[in-house]
Amino acid sequence: MPKQCYICEKKPIFGNTISHAHNVRSRKFNPNLQSIKILEKGTVKRVSVCTRCLRSGKVQKAL
């Protein structure tokens, strides 16, 4: 399963870590994904959804 949100397709982005001595290293920022069961078109699916989509109510959790 890719590190990508099922709803908004948010995925890892790349940036730099810069120390006080200005040593620059590459790093990756991963989205905060939660694996949940959602209800989609009457069927239950287990997908990875970011916390932003969960909090804003863009998905309906399966009970």
N, C-alpha and C. Protein backbone atom coordinates (compact mmCIF):
# COMPACT_ATOMS: atom_id res chain seq x y z
N MET A 1 0.84 -1.18 0.00
CA MET A 1 0.00 0.00 0.00
C MET A 1 0.89 1.24 0.00
N PRO A 2 0.68 2.16 -0.93
CA PRO A 2 1.53 3.34 -0.98
C PRO A 2 1.25 4.28 0.19
N LYS A 3 2.24 5.10 0.52
CA LYS A 3 2.07 6.09 1.58
C LYS A 3 1.36 7.30 1.00
N GLN A 4 0.06 7.10 0.71
CA GLN A 4 -0.73 8.14 0.05
C GLN A 4 -2.16 8.08 0.59
N CYS A 5 -2.75 9.23 0.80
CA CYS A 5 -4.13 9.31 1.28
C CYS A 5 -5.08 8.87 0.18
N TYR A 6 -6.05 8.04 0.55
CA TYR A 6 -7.03 7.52 -0.41
C TYR A 6 -7.97 8.61 -0.90
N ILE A 7 -8.25 9.61 -0.08
CA ILE A 7 -9.22 10.65 -0.41
C ILE A 7 -8.57 11.82 -1.16
N CYS A 8 -7.58 12.46 -0.54
CA CYS A 8 -7.01 13.68 -1.13
C CYS A 8 -5.69 13.44 -1.87
N GLU A 9 -5.21 12.20 -1.86
CA GLU A 9 -3.97 11.80 -2.55
C GLU A 9 -2.74 12.56 -2.06
N LYS A 10 -2.76 12.92 -0.77
CA LYS A 10 -1.58 13.54 -0.17
C LYS A 10 -0.50 12.47 -0.06
N LYS A 11 0.75 12.80 -0.42
CA LYS A 11 1.83 11.83 -0.40
C LYS A 11 3.10 12.46 0.15
N PRO A 12 4.18 11.68 0.34
CA PRO A 12 5.39 12.24 0.92
C PRO A 12 5.98 13.36 0.06
N ILE A 13 6.54 14.37 0.75
CA ILE A 13 7.24 15.44 0.05
C ILE A 13 8.67 15.47 0.60
N PHE A 14 9.58 16.03 -0.17
CA PHE A 14 10.99 16.03 0.20
C PHE A 14 11.44 17.44 0.54
N GLY A 15 12.36 17.51 1.49
CA GLY A 15 12.90 18.80 1.90
C GLY A 15 14.30 18.61 2.44
N ASN A 16 14.77 19.54 3.22
CA ASN A 16 16.12 19.50 3.77
C ASN A 16 16.10 19.66 5.27
N THR A 17 17.06 18.99 5.95
CA THR A 17 17.35 19.22 7.35
C THR A 17 18.60 20.08 7.39
N ILE A 18 18.52 21.22 8.04
CA ILE A 18 19.66 22.14 8.08
C ILE A 18 20.10 22.31 9.53
N SER A 19 21.35 21.96 9.82
CA SER A 19 21.88 22.08 11.18
C SER A 19 22.32 23.52 11.45
N HIS A 20 22.72 23.75 12.69
CA HIS A 20 23.19 25.08 13.08
C HIS A 20 24.44 25.47 12.29
N ALA A 21 25.28 24.47 11.96
CA ALA A 21 26.49 24.71 11.18
C ALA A 21 26.19 24.75 9.67
N HIS A 22 24.92 24.73 9.33
CA HIS A 22 24.42 24.79 7.96
C HIS A 22 24.83 23.57 7.13
N ASN A 23 24.92 22.39 7.81
CA ASN A 23 25.09 21.14 7.09
C ASN A 23 23.70 20.73 6.58
N VAL A 24 23.57 20.48 5.29
CA VAL A 24 22.27 20.23 4.69
C VAL A 24 22.16 18.75 4.33
N ARG A 25 21.09 18.11 4.82
CA ARG A 25 20.80 16.72 4.48
C ARG A 25 19.39 16.65 3.94
N SER A 26 19.17 15.71 3.05
CA SER A 26 17.83 15.51 2.48
C SER A 26 16.98 14.71 3.46
N ARG A 27 15.69 15.01 3.50
CA ARG A 27 14.77 14.26 4.35
C ARG A 27 13.42 14.17 3.69
N LYS A 28 12.54 13.32 4.24
CA LYS A 28 11.23 13.09 3.67
C LYS A 28 10.17 13.39 4.73
N PHE A 29 9.13 14.13 4.36
CA PHE A 29 8.00 14.42 5.24
C PHE A 29 6.85 13.51 4.82
N ASN A 30 6.48 12.55 5.69
CA ASN A 30 5.39 11.63 5.39
C ASN A 30 4.08 12.18 5.94
N PRO A 31 2.96 11.96 5.23
CA PRO A 31 1.66 12.37 5.77
C PRO A 31 1.25 11.47 6.93
N ASN A 32 0.43 11.98 7.82
CA ASN A 32 -0.06 11.22 8.97
C ASN A 32 -1.24 10.38 8.51
N LEU A 33 -0.96 9.13 8.11
CA LEU A 33 -1.99 8.25 7.58
C LEU A 33 -2.47 7.28 8.65
N GLN A 34 -3.77 7.04 8.66
CA GLN A 34 -4.39 6.07 9.54
C GLN A 34 -5.10 5.04 8.69
N SER A 35 -4.93 3.76 9.04
CA SER A 35 -5.60 2.69 8.31
C SER A 35 -6.96 2.46 8.94
N ILE A 36 -8.04 2.74 8.20
CA ILE A 36 -9.39 2.61 8.74
C ILE A 36 -10.29 1.90 7.74
N LYS A 37 -11.42 1.42 8.24
CA LYS A 37 -12.44 0.84 7.38
C LYS A 37 -13.44 1.94 7.04
N ILE A 38 -13.68 2.14 5.74
CA ILE A 38 -14.64 3.15 5.32
C ILE A 38 -15.78 2.50 4.57
N LEU A 39 -16.87 3.20 4.50
CA LEU A 39 -18.04 2.75 3.77
C LEU A 39 -18.10 3.53 2.46
N GLU A 40 -17.98 2.80 1.34
CA GLU A 40 -17.98 3.46 0.03
C GLU A 40 -18.87 2.67 -0.92
N LYS A 41 -19.92 3.32 -1.41
CA LYS A 41 -20.88 2.71 -2.34
C LYS A 41 -21.48 1.42 -1.78
N GLY A 42 -21.75 1.41 -0.48
CA GLY A 42 -22.38 0.27 0.16
C GLY A 42 -21.44 -0.86 0.53
N THR A 43 -20.16 -0.76 0.22
CA THR A 43 -19.20 -1.79 0.58
C THR A 43 -18.19 -1.24 1.57
N VAL A 44 -17.59 -2.14 2.34
CA VAL A 44 -16.60 -1.76 3.34
C VAL A 44 -15.21 -2.01 2.77
N LYS A 45 -14.35 -0.99 2.88
CA LYS A 45 -12.97 -1.07 2.41
C LYS A 45 -12.03 -0.67 3.52
N ARG A 46 -10.83 -1.29 3.56
CA ARG A 46 -9.78 -0.84 4.47
C ARG A 46 -8.79 -0.02 3.66
N VAL A 47 -8.66 1.26 4.01
CA VAL A 47 -7.80 2.18 3.25
C VAL A 47 -6.99 3.04 4.22
N SER A 48 -5.96 3.70 3.67
CA SER A 48 -5.17 4.66 4.43
C SER A 48 -5.69 6.06 4.15
N VAL A 49 -6.05 6.77 5.20
CA VAL A 49 -6.62 8.12 5.08
C VAL A 49 -5.83 9.05 5.99
N CYS A 50 -5.53 10.26 5.50
CA CYS A 50 -4.80 11.22 6.33
C CYS A 50 -5.73 11.77 7.42
N THR A 51 -5.13 12.26 8.48
CA THR A 51 -5.92 12.73 9.62
C THR A 51 -6.71 13.99 9.27
N ARG A 52 -6.24 14.77 8.31
CA ARG A 52 -6.97 15.97 7.89
C ARG A 52 -8.32 15.59 7.29
N CYS A 53 -8.34 14.55 6.45
CA CYS A 53 -9.59 14.09 5.84
C CYS A 53 -10.51 13.46 6.87
N LEU A 54 -9.95 12.74 7.84
CA LEU A 54 -10.74 12.14 8.90
C LEU A 54 -11.42 13.22 9.74
N ARG A 55 -10.65 14.23 10.11
CA ARG A 55 -11.15 15.29 10.99
C ARG A 55 -12.20 16.15 10.31
N SER A 56 -12.03 16.39 9.00
CA SER A 56 -12.97 17.26 8.30
C SER A 56 -14.23 16.53 7.87
N GLY A 57 -14.28 15.20 8.05
CA GLY A 57 -15.50 14.45 7.74
C GLY A 57 -15.66 14.11 6.29
N LYS A 58 -14.56 13.98 5.56
CA LYS A 58 -14.64 13.64 4.13
C LYS A 58 -14.89 12.15 3.90
N VAL A 59 -14.74 11.34 4.96
CA VAL A 59 -14.98 9.90 4.85
C VAL A 59 -16.01 9.49 5.90
N GLN A 60 -16.70 8.39 5.60
CA GLN A 60 -17.66 7.85 6.56
C GLN A 60 -17.10 6.51 7.04
N LYS A 61 -16.83 6.42 8.35
CA LYS A 61 -16.28 5.20 8.92
C LYS A 61 -17.34 4.10 8.90
N ALA A 62 -16.88 2.87 8.66
CA ALA A 62 -17.77 1.71 8.73
C ALA A 62 -17.84 1.26 10.18
N LEU A 63 -19.00 0.89 10.63
CA LEU A 63 -19.16 0.45 12.01
C LEU A 63 -19.11 -1.04 12.13
